[in-house]
Amino acid sequence: MPRAVVVGGGLAGLASAAALGETGYEVDLYEARPFLGGRATSYPLNDNSEEVIDNCQHVLLRCCVNLLDFYRRLGVEGKVAFHREFHFVEPGGRISTLKRGALPAPAHFAGAFLRMPMLGLAEKAAIARGLLAIRREYARREDLDRITMAEWLAEKRQPPRAVERFWRQVLVSAVNEELDRMAAGHGLQVFQLGFLAQSDSCEMGIPAAPLGELYNAEAWKRFPSVRLHTRTPVERVAVRGGRVRGVSAGGSETGAETVILAVPFERAAALAPEAGLCFDGWEHSPITGIHLWFDRPVTSLPHGTLLDRTIQWFFNKREGRYLQIVVSASRSLLSMPRQEVIELAVRELGEFLPETRRARIEKAHVVKEARATWSAKPGLEATRPGPRTRIEGLYLAGDWIRTGWPATMEGAVRGGYLAAEAVSGNRFLAPDVS
């Protein structure tokens, strides 16, 4: 039985381990932390309540075909609940709901979009012209990685309120970067694959269980040849004579002729300096998650995207009493004390959900992920490596390799599958929706 070592228990590492384990490989996966999932995980809240929280709410769309394939491999696809409606909430509480109608793609949103009160008719017409331009230019225009999404929108003469309330509201959350720092190609991809390609590709999937439950030991019983080693950091990849010889973990070397590095890009470069990986100019983009528990229900909406304020999304986790709030590309919050972040979130949330002003907060928790994703800025695509390296037997996995996607859960699984394909010669990657 061929053997492989996977370093890193995030989605990319787990996806590569599952793919190889399913096709006859013996796999040892090493993860430094006590839990799996990487940046998409959950852990106990240390307040004696036995509460388990996600580090931040993660969602997917039906166009995330490889992530859904990975969930099917683990047998946990039933733990994701799909929603067909997007609720845009204005300060004051007015709601605009976007949902698909009976028309085929790309016109399936037309009726609901025209009825959304958050935008005027001229703004909607401009957005429609922008969406038609995406249909023409996506995967055809050659400079989309050299210009920002903000520049593309200016070129298409999008009105300021259309940019702020529609384009920015969707894209900053999807790509975790501001429009003036985001390569236009990633922005166009979100709308083409998620909103225009197929009528159901925009359905939003929200895990109905803590993220950690998706990767627990029960799921891995399907893969008896995969061994998971948590709390086992790898210090270095052993390279001799131009090829991989194993990994150093826990003070001893484990022999292996195949190693997949499924760790953040800067960590991969440090673990295997012989590979000559270079990430000059790469940056991170942060995400902040704010968890609020109230003494009473404060909303019946399952989720909402929040307009014109710092906070961007809320997710109703427990009958309106526990909300998760997400702020993507949250650089302005990194240096802010956690109590001030909570106060800001509560104050702004009261503008959207008036019942929160009458409720008492029982507890609150803030998670700042300063290195949540790599920054999807222009010019980066040409520098993203493939899964192979110049070291024989050493492979790369992660949302940061050349997956064709930005830093998302789908991108991470694609990175894991690409590494498994390079190792085994088998095909795992599903094509994008068309």
Protein backbone atom coordinates (compact mmCIF):
# COMPACT_ATOMS: atom_id res chain seq x y z
CA MET A 1 0.00 0.00 0.00
CA PRO A 2 1.54 3.39 -0.97
CA ARG A 3 2.00 5.84 1.89
CA ALA A 4 1.73 9.61 2.21
CA VAL A 5 2.15 12.11 5.01
CA VAL A 6 -0.12 15.16 5.11
CA VAL A 7 0.99 18.12 7.21
CA GLY A 8 -1.98 20.24 8.30
CA GLY A 9 -5.52 19.35 9.35
CA GLY A 10 -7.41 22.18 7.67
CA LEU A 11 -9.79 21.60 4.79
CA ALA A 12 -7.01 21.22 2.22
CA GLY A 13 -5.18 18.60 4.26
CA LEU A 14 -8.37 16.75 5.13
CA ALA A 15 -9.50 16.76 1.49
CA SER A 16 -6.19 15.37 0.25
CA ALA A 17 -6.19 12.71 3.00
CA ALA A 18 -9.75 11.63 2.19
CA ALA A 19 -9.07 11.46 -1.54
CA LEU A 20 -5.88 9.43 -1.12
CA GLY A 21 -7.38 7.24 1.60
CA GLU A 22 -10.28 6.40 -0.69
CA THR A 23 -7.94 5.22 -3.44
CA GLY A 24 -5.69 2.84 -1.55
CA TYR A 25 -3.16 5.08 0.17
CA GLU A 26 -2.04 4.77 3.76
CA VAL A 27 -2.11 8.33 5.08
CA ASP A 28 -0.75 9.89 8.26
CA LEU A 29 -2.08 13.41 8.85
CA TYR A 30 -0.36 15.64 11.41
CA GLU A 31 -2.11 18.65 12.94
CA ALA A 32 -0.52 20.88 15.57
CA ARG A 33 -3.76 21.87 17.25
CA PRO A 34 -6.08 19.60 19.25
CA PHE A 35 -8.87 19.92 16.67
CA LEU A 36 -9.30 19.65 12.92
CA GLY A 37 -10.63 22.15 10.42
CA GLY A 38 -7.93 24.81 10.38
CA ARG A 39 -9.55 28.22 9.97
CA ALA A 40 -12.99 26.63 9.58
CA THR A 41 -13.41 24.95 12.93
CA SER A 42 -15.14 25.08 16.30
CA TYR A 43 -13.98 24.81 19.88
CA PRO A 44 -15.37 24.95 23.45
CA LEU A 45 -16.04 28.39 24.88
CA ASN A 46 -14.05 28.55 28.10
CA ASP A 47 -16.81 29.81 30.38
CA ASN A 48 -17.92 26.57 32.12
CA SER A 49 -21.03 26.44 29.90
CA GLU A 50 -19.87 23.57 27.65
CA GLU A 51 -20.83 25.83 24.74
CA VAL A 52 -19.10 24.96 21.45
CA ILE A 53 -18.73 27.83 18.99
CA ASP A 54 -17.40 28.23 15.48
CA ASN A 55 -14.44 30.56 15.28
CA CYS A 56 -16.50 32.44 12.70
CA GLN A 57 -19.61 31.59 10.72
CA HIS A 58 -18.65 29.90 7.45
CA VAL A 59 -21.08 29.51 4.57
CA LEU A 60 -20.96 28.01 1.10
CA LEU A 61 -22.96 28.20 -2.11
CA ARG A 62 -24.13 25.30 -4.24
CA CYS A 63 -21.54 26.31 -6.80
CA CYS A 64 -18.91 25.06 -4.30
CA VAL A 65 -19.02 21.66 -5.96
CA ASN A 66 -15.76 20.29 -4.56
CA LEU A 67 -16.54 21.28 -0.99
CA LEU A 68 -19.89 19.52 -1.32
CA ASP A 69 -18.12 16.50 -2.79
CA PHE A 70 -15.79 16.45 0.22
CA TYR A 71 -18.76 16.58 2.60
CA ARG A 72 -20.31 13.65 0.72
CA ARG A 73 -17.09 11.67 1.09
CA LEU A 74 -17.26 12.23 4.85
CA GLY A 75 -21.00 11.46 4.92
CA VAL A 76 -21.88 14.82 6.50
CA GLU A 77 -23.65 16.56 3.62
CA GLY A 78 -26.90 16.26 5.59
CA LYS A 79 -25.46 18.60 8.25
CA VAL A 80 -25.61 21.57 5.86
CA ALA A 81 -28.91 23.46 5.57
CA PHE A 82 -29.50 25.36 2.33
CA HIS A 83 -31.34 28.67 2.09
CA ARG A 84 -32.84 30.17 -1.07
CA GLU A 85 -33.31 33.72 0.19
CA PHE A 86 -30.86 36.54 0.92
CA HIS A 87 -32.14 39.24 3.28
CA PHE A 88 -30.57 42.69 2.91
CA VAL A 89 -31.42 44.75 6.00
CA GLU A 90 -31.17 48.55 6.08
CA PRO A 91 -30.67 50.69 9.18
CA GLY A 92 -34.21 51.16 10.43
CA GLY A 93 -35.10 47.54 9.76
CA ARG A 94 -36.45 47.59 6.20
CA ILE A 95 -35.73 44.28 4.46
CA SER A 96 -35.05 43.59 0.79
CA THR A 97 -35.22 39.89 -0.04
CA LEU A 98 -33.43 38.39 -3.02
CA LYS A 99 -34.69 34.98 -4.06
CA ARG A 100 -34.81 33.06 -7.28
CA GLY A 101 -37.97 32.92 -9.36
CA ALA A 102 -39.28 30.71 -12.13
CA LEU A 103 -37.17 32.16 -14.94
CA PRO A 104 -34.06 30.24 -16.01
CA ALA A 105 -30.55 31.50 -15.27
CA PRO A 106 -29.29 34.17 -15.58
CA ALA A 107 -32.72 35.84 -15.23
CA HIS A 108 -33.85 33.84 -12.19
CA PHE A 109 -33.34 36.78 -9.80
CA ALA A 110 -34.89 39.43 -12.04
CA GLY A 111 -38.34 39.65 -10.44
CA ALA A 112 -37.14 39.76 -6.84
CA PHE A 113 -34.29 42.13 -7.70
CA LEU A 114 -36.63 44.66 -9.28
CA ARG A 115 -38.81 44.63 -6.15
CA MET A 116 -35.95 45.24 -3.69
CA PRO A 117 -36.57 48.64 -2.05
CA MET A 118 -32.96 49.16 -0.96
CA LEU A 119 -31.99 50.47 -4.42
CA GLY A 120 -33.52 52.88 -6.90
CA LEU A 121 -34.46 52.02 -10.47
CA ALA A 122 -31.40 53.74 -11.98
CA GLU A 123 -29.12 51.83 -9.60
CA LYS A 124 -30.78 48.54 -10.50
CA ALA A 125 -30.38 49.29 -14.20
CA ALA A 126 -26.68 50.00 -13.68
CA ILE A 127 -26.24 46.74 -11.75
CA ALA A 128 -28.00 44.83 -14.54
CA ARG A 129 -25.56 46.32 -17.05
CA GLY A 130 -22.69 45.29 -14.80
CA LEU A 131 -23.97 41.72 -14.56
CA LEU A 132 -24.29 41.54 -18.35
CA ALA A 133 -20.69 42.75 -18.60
CA ILE A 134 -19.63 39.93 -16.29
CA ARG A 135 -21.30 37.43 -18.61
CA ARG A 136 -19.27 38.84 -21.50
CA GLU A 137 -15.92 39.30 -19.79
CA TYR A 138 -15.51 36.51 -17.22
CA ALA A 139 -12.74 34.09 -18.27
CA ARG A 140 -12.30 36.06 -21.52
CA ARG A 141 -10.84 39.43 -20.60
CA GLU A 142 -7.10 39.13 -20.02
CA ASP A 143 -6.43 42.00 -17.60
CA LEU A 144 -8.82 41.02 -14.81
CA ASP A 145 -5.96 40.02 -12.51
CA ARG A 146 -4.20 43.33 -13.12
CA ILE A 147 -7.01 45.68 -12.10
CA THR A 148 -9.02 45.98 -8.90
CA MET A 149 -12.71 45.31 -8.62
CA ALA A 150 -13.18 48.97 -7.72
CA GLU A 151 -11.53 49.96 -11.00
CA TRP A 152 -13.74 47.56 -12.93
CA LEU A 153 -16.88 48.95 -11.31
CA ALA A 154 -15.78 52.51 -12.07
CA GLU A 155 -15.19 51.49 -15.67
CA LYS A 156 -18.77 50.17 -15.78
CA ARG A 157 -20.05 53.45 -14.26
CA GLN A 158 -21.67 51.88 -11.25
CA PRO A 159 -23.35 54.46 -8.95
CA PRO A 160 -21.90 54.83 -5.43
CA ARG A 161 -24.96 53.40 -3.69
CA ALA A 162 -25.06 50.42 -6.05
CA VAL A 163 -21.40 49.77 -5.27
CA GLU A 164 -21.86 50.08 -1.52
CA ARG A 165 -25.16 48.25 -1.11
CA PHE A 166 -24.82 45.53 -3.74
CA TRP A 167 -21.36 44.90 -5.15
CA ARG A 168 -19.38 45.56 -1.99
CA GLN A 169 -21.91 43.85 0.26
CA VAL A 170 -21.64 40.60 -1.64
CA LEU A 171 -17.98 40.61 -2.59
CA VAL A 172 -16.22 41.68 0.60
CA SER A 173 -17.90 38.79 2.41
CA ALA A 174 -17.21 36.30 -0.38
CA VAL A 175 -13.56 37.16 -1.05
CA ASN A 176 -12.61 38.71 2.33
CA GLU A 177 -11.08 41.78 0.77
CA GLU A 178 -12.07 45.35 0.00
CA LEU A 179 -13.00 46.28 -3.55
CA ASP A 180 -9.97 48.54 -3.98
CA ARG A 181 -7.63 45.70 -2.94
CA MET A 182 -9.39 42.80 -4.70
CA ALA A 183 -8.43 41.55 -8.16
CA ALA A 184 -11.38 42.04 -10.49
CA GLY A 185 -11.16 38.45 -11.70
CA HIS A 186 -12.17 37.14 -8.28
CA GLY A 187 -15.11 39.53 -8.08
CA LEU A 188 -16.41 38.54 -11.50
CA GLN A 189 -16.01 34.87 -10.59
CA VAL A 190 -18.23 35.21 -7.52
CA PHE A 191 -21.10 36.60 -9.56
CA GLN A 192 -20.64 34.38 -12.61
CA LEU A 193 -20.45 31.08 -10.73
CA GLY A 194 -22.58 31.99 -7.72
CA PHE A 195 -25.36 34.05 -9.24
CA LEU A 196 -25.46 33.79 -13.04
CA ALA A 197 -24.37 30.32 -14.16
CA GLN A 198 -27.23 28.21 -12.76
CA SER A 199 -30.44 29.07 -10.98
CA ASP A 200 -29.60 27.02 -7.89
CA SER A 201 -25.87 27.79 -7.66
CA CYS A 202 -26.59 30.74 -5.34
CA GLU A 203 -28.34 28.71 -2.64
CA MET A 204 -26.47 29.41 0.58
CA GLY A 205 -25.43 26.47 2.74
CA ILE A 206 -25.01 27.02 6.47
CA PRO A 207 -23.67 24.17 8.63
CA ALA A 208 -26.41 23.04 11.02
CA ALA A 209 -23.83 21.77 13.51
CA PRO A 210 -20.57 23.19 14.86
CA LEU A 211 -17.94 23.07 12.14
CA GLY A 212 -15.80 20.65 14.12
CA GLU A 213 -18.56 18.03 13.99
CA LEU A 214 -18.15 17.85 10.23
CA TYR A 215 -14.64 16.42 10.59
CA ASN A 216 -14.92 14.37 13.78
CA ALA A 217 -13.69 10.83 14.29
CA GLU A 218 -17.02 9.29 13.26
CA ALA A 219 -16.68 10.70 9.74
CA TRP A 220 -13.18 9.27 9.36
CA LYS A 221 -14.30 5.70 10.04
CA ARG A 222 -15.00 5.64 6.30
CA PHE A 223 -11.25 5.87 5.74
CA PRO A 224 -9.56 3.14 7.82
CA SER A 225 -6.20 3.75 6.12
CA VAL A 226 -6.11 7.40 7.27
CA ARG A 227 -4.60 8.07 10.69
CA LEU A 228 -5.13 11.47 12.30
CA HIS A 229 -2.48 12.80 14.69
CA THR A 230 -3.63 15.94 16.50
CA ARG A 231 -1.46 17.91 18.92
CA THR A 232 1.49 16.85 16.77
CA PRO A 233 3.26 19.78 15.17
CA VAL A 234 5.69 19.10 12.34
CA GLU A 235 8.93 21.02 12.76
CA ARG A 236 10.53 20.35 9.39
CA VAL A 237 10.36 18.33 6.20
CA ALA A 238 13.39 16.08 5.83
CA VAL A 239 14.96 16.54 2.39
CA ARG A 240 18.12 14.72 1.29
CA GLY A 241 19.51 14.26 -2.18
CA GLY A 242 16.81 16.38 -3.76
CA ARG A 243 13.89 14.31 -2.53
CA VAL A 244 11.66 13.98 0.51
CA ARG A 245 12.71 11.52 3.18
CA GLY A 246 10.10 12.22 5.86
CA VAL A 247 9.06 14.78 8.45
CA SER A 248 10.31 15.75 11.89
CA ALA A 249 7.46 15.71 14.39
CA GLY A 250 7.57 15.52 18.16
CA GLY A 251 11.36 15.42 18.18
CA SER A 252 11.72 12.37 15.93
CA GLU A 253 11.76 11.79 12.19
CA THR A 254 9.02 9.80 10.49
CA GLY A 255 10.08 8.36 7.15
CA ALA A 256 7.96 9.06 4.09
CA GLU A 257 8.58 9.37 0.36
CA THR A 258 5.46 11.48 -0.21
CA VAL A 259 4.65 14.58 1.84
CA ILE A 260 1.84 17.07 1.24
CA LEU A 261 2.21 20.46 2.92
CA ALA A 262 -1.34 21.64 3.64
CA VAL A 263 -0.44 24.58 5.86
CA PRO A 264 -0.57 28.37 5.37
CA PHE A 265 1.76 29.64 2.65
CA GLU A 266 4.28 31.23 5.00
CA ARG A 267 4.46 28.05 7.06
CA ALA A 268 5.03 25.90 3.97
CA ALA A 269 8.03 28.03 3.01
CA ALA A 270 9.50 27.67 6.50
CA LEU A 271 8.98 23.89 6.73
CA ALA A 272 10.71 23.17 3.43
CA PRO A 273 13.18 25.94 2.56
CA GLU A 274 14.76 23.63 -0.04
CA ALA A 275 11.60 24.01 -2.15
CA GLY A 276 12.45 27.65 -2.82
CA LEU A 277 8.91 28.90 -2.28
CA CYS A 278 8.66 32.68 -2.59
CA PHE A 279 5.73 34.74 -1.37
CA ASP A 280 7.13 38.24 -1.67
CA GLY A 281 4.27 40.72 -1.78
CA TRP A 282 1.70 38.34 -0.31
CA GLU A 283 -0.45 39.67 2.52
CA HIS A 284 -3.21 38.47 4.82
CA SER A 285 -6.73 39.77 5.24
CA PRO A 286 -8.54 39.47 8.61
CA ILE A 287 -12.02 38.37 9.65
CA THR A 288 -13.70 39.18 12.95
CA GLY A 289 -16.49 37.09 14.44
CA ILE A 290 -18.68 38.49 17.21
CA HIS A 291 -20.88 36.11 19.20
CA LEU A 292 -23.81 37.57 21.15
CA TRP A 293 -26.16 35.70 23.48
CA PHE A 294 -29.39 37.50 24.47
CA ASP A 295 -31.90 36.78 27.21
CA ARG A 296 -34.76 36.64 24.69
CA PRO A 297 -35.32 36.15 20.94
CA VAL A 298 -34.35 39.27 18.98
CA THR A 299 -35.15 38.19 15.41
CA SER A 300 -36.95 35.52 13.43
CA LEU A 301 -34.77 35.97 10.35
CA PRO A 302 -32.37 33.05 9.79
CA HIS A 303 -29.66 35.44 8.59
CA GLY A 304 -29.22 38.89 7.14
CA THR A 305 -26.67 41.04 5.38
CA LEU A 306 -26.45 44.44 7.05
CA LEU A 307 -26.11 47.59 4.95
CA ASP A 308 -24.14 50.81 5.45
CA ARG A 309 -22.42 49.89 8.72
CA THR A 310 -19.29 48.13 9.98
CA ILE A 311 -20.99 44.83 10.80
CA GLN A 312 -21.86 42.94 7.63
CA TRP A 313 -23.80 39.74 8.38
CA PHE A 314 -25.66 38.13 11.23
CA PHE A 315 -26.63 34.48 11.56
CA ASN A 316 -29.39 33.27 13.85
CA LYS A 317 -27.94 30.27 15.63
CA ARG A 318 -30.50 29.52 18.32
CA GLU A 319 -34.10 30.70 17.96
CA GLY A 320 -33.07 34.34 17.83
CA ARG A 321 -31.23 34.30 21.17
CA TYR A 322 -27.70 33.63 19.91
CA LEU A 323 -26.39 35.58 16.92
CA GLN A 324 -23.08 35.28 15.14
CA ILE A 325 -21.94 38.50 13.50
CA VAL A 326 -19.26 38.56 10.82
CA VAL A 327 -17.03 41.40 9.64
CA SER A 328 -14.82 40.48 6.69
CA ALA A 329 -11.65 42.38 5.74
CA SER A 330 -11.88 43.75 9.29
CA ARG A 331 -8.59 45.66 9.50
CA SER A 332 -10.27 48.52 11.38
CA LEU A 333 -11.19 46.16 14.23
CA LEU A 334 -7.84 44.45 14.79
CA SER A 335 -6.44 47.09 17.13
CA MET A 336 -9.78 47.82 18.81
CA PRO A 337 -10.19 46.34 22.32
CA ARG A 338 -12.63 43.45 22.36
CA GLN A 339 -15.09 45.26 24.62
CA GLU A 340 -15.22 48.14 22.16
CA VAL A 341 -15.84 45.70 19.31
CA ILE A 342 -18.76 44.24 21.26
CA GLU A 343 -20.17 47.69 22.00
CA LEU A 344 -19.88 48.68 18.33
CA ALA A 345 -21.63 45.50 17.20
CA VAL A 346 -24.45 45.84 19.74
CA ARG A 347 -24.97 49.50 18.89
CA GLU A 348 -25.12 48.90 15.15
CA LEU A 349 -27.19 45.73 15.47
CA GLY A 350 -29.83 47.77 17.29
CA GLU A 351 -30.30 49.84 14.14
CA PHE A 352 -31.29 46.72 12.19
CA LEU A 353 -32.99 44.59 14.83
CA PRO A 354 -34.82 46.90 17.28
CA GLU A 355 -35.59 44.05 19.67
CA THR A 356 -31.90 43.87 20.58
CA ARG A 357 -32.23 47.28 22.28
CA ARG A 358 -34.76 45.81 24.71
CA ALA A 359 -32.88 42.57 25.31
CA ARG A 360 -30.12 41.95 27.82
CA ILE A 361 -26.82 40.49 26.66
CA GLU A 362 -26.04 37.40 28.71
CA LYS A 363 -22.54 36.97 27.29
CA ALA A 364 -20.42 37.99 24.33
CA HIS A 365 -17.29 36.68 22.65
CA VAL A 366 -15.02 38.11 19.95
CA VAL A 367 -12.76 36.11 17.63
CA LYS A 368 -10.19 38.06 15.61
CA GLU A 369 -8.55 36.05 12.84
CA ALA A 370 -5.76 38.40 11.77
CA ARG A 371 -4.51 35.91 9.17
CA ALA A 372 -7.87 34.55 8.12
CA THR A 373 -7.10 34.45 4.38
CA TRP A 374 -4.50 35.58 1.91
CA SER A 375 -5.32 38.91 0.32
CA ALA A 376 -6.72 38.39 -3.19
CA LYS A 377 -5.05 41.46 -4.63
CA PRO A 378 -4.18 42.12 -8.29
CA GLY A 379 -1.09 40.48 -9.72
CA LEU A 380 -1.07 37.52 -7.36
CA GLU A 381 -2.40 34.80 -9.68
CA ALA A 382 0.87 34.51 -11.60
CA THR A 383 2.76 33.87 -8.34
CA ARG A 384 0.50 31.14 -6.94
CA PRO A 385 2.34 27.79 -7.13
CA GLY A 386 0.91 24.55 -8.41
CA PRO A 387 0.76 21.38 -6.27
CA ARG A 388 4.19 20.11 -7.36
CA THR A 389 7.52 21.44 -6.11
CA ARG A 390 11.11 21.09 -7.28
CA ILE A 391 11.65 18.55 -4.47
CA GLU A 392 10.75 15.04 -5.55
CA GLY A 393 7.92 13.70 -3.39
CA LEU A 394 6.97 17.10 -1.92
CA TYR A 395 3.56 18.52 -2.79
CA LEU A 396 1.56 21.59 -1.83
CA ALA A 397 -2.10 21.89 -0.87
CA GLY A 398 -4.12 24.85 0.33
CA ASP A 399 -6.43 27.58 -0.84
CA TRP A 400 -3.30 29.56 -1.77
CA ILE A 401 -2.01 27.28 -4.53
CA ARG A 402 -3.25 27.77 -8.09
CA THR A 403 -6.80 26.51 -7.58
CA GLY A 404 -8.61 29.02 -9.79
CA TRP A 405 -10.50 30.25 -6.72
CA PRO A 406 -9.84 32.86 -4.02
CA ALA A 407 -9.32 31.96 -0.36
CA THR A 408 -12.52 30.06 0.42
CA MET A 409 -13.50 26.65 1.75
CA GLU A 410 -14.07 25.57 -1.86
CA GLY A 411 -10.61 26.83 -2.76
CA ALA A 412 -9.07 24.87 0.11
CA VAL A 413 -10.73 21.61 -0.92
CA ARG A 414 -9.72 22.21 -4.53
CA GLY A 415 -6.14 22.65 -3.32
CA GLY A 416 -6.33 19.37 -1.42
CA TYR A 417 -7.75 17.50 -4.39
CA LEU A 418 -5.12 18.95 -6.75
CA ALA A 419 -2.36 17.72 -4.44
CA ALA A 420 -3.96 14.26 -4.25
CA GLU A 421 -4.20 14.18 -8.04
CA ALA A 422 -0.52 15.07 -8.38
CA VAL A 423 0.43 12.31 -5.94
CA SER A 424 -1.79 9.52 -7.23
CA GLY A 425 -2.53 10.32 -10.86
CA ASN A 426 -6.25 9.90 -10.13
CA ARG A 427 -8.90 12.52 -10.87
CA PHE A 428 -10.72 14.07 -7.92
CA LEU A 429 -11.44 17.68 -8.92
CA ALA A 430 -14.96 18.42 -10.13
CA PRO A 431 -15.29 21.16 -12.80
CA ASP A 432 -16.91 24.48 -11.98
CA VAL A 433 -20.60 24.96 -12.70
CA SER A 434 -21.16 26.21 -16.24
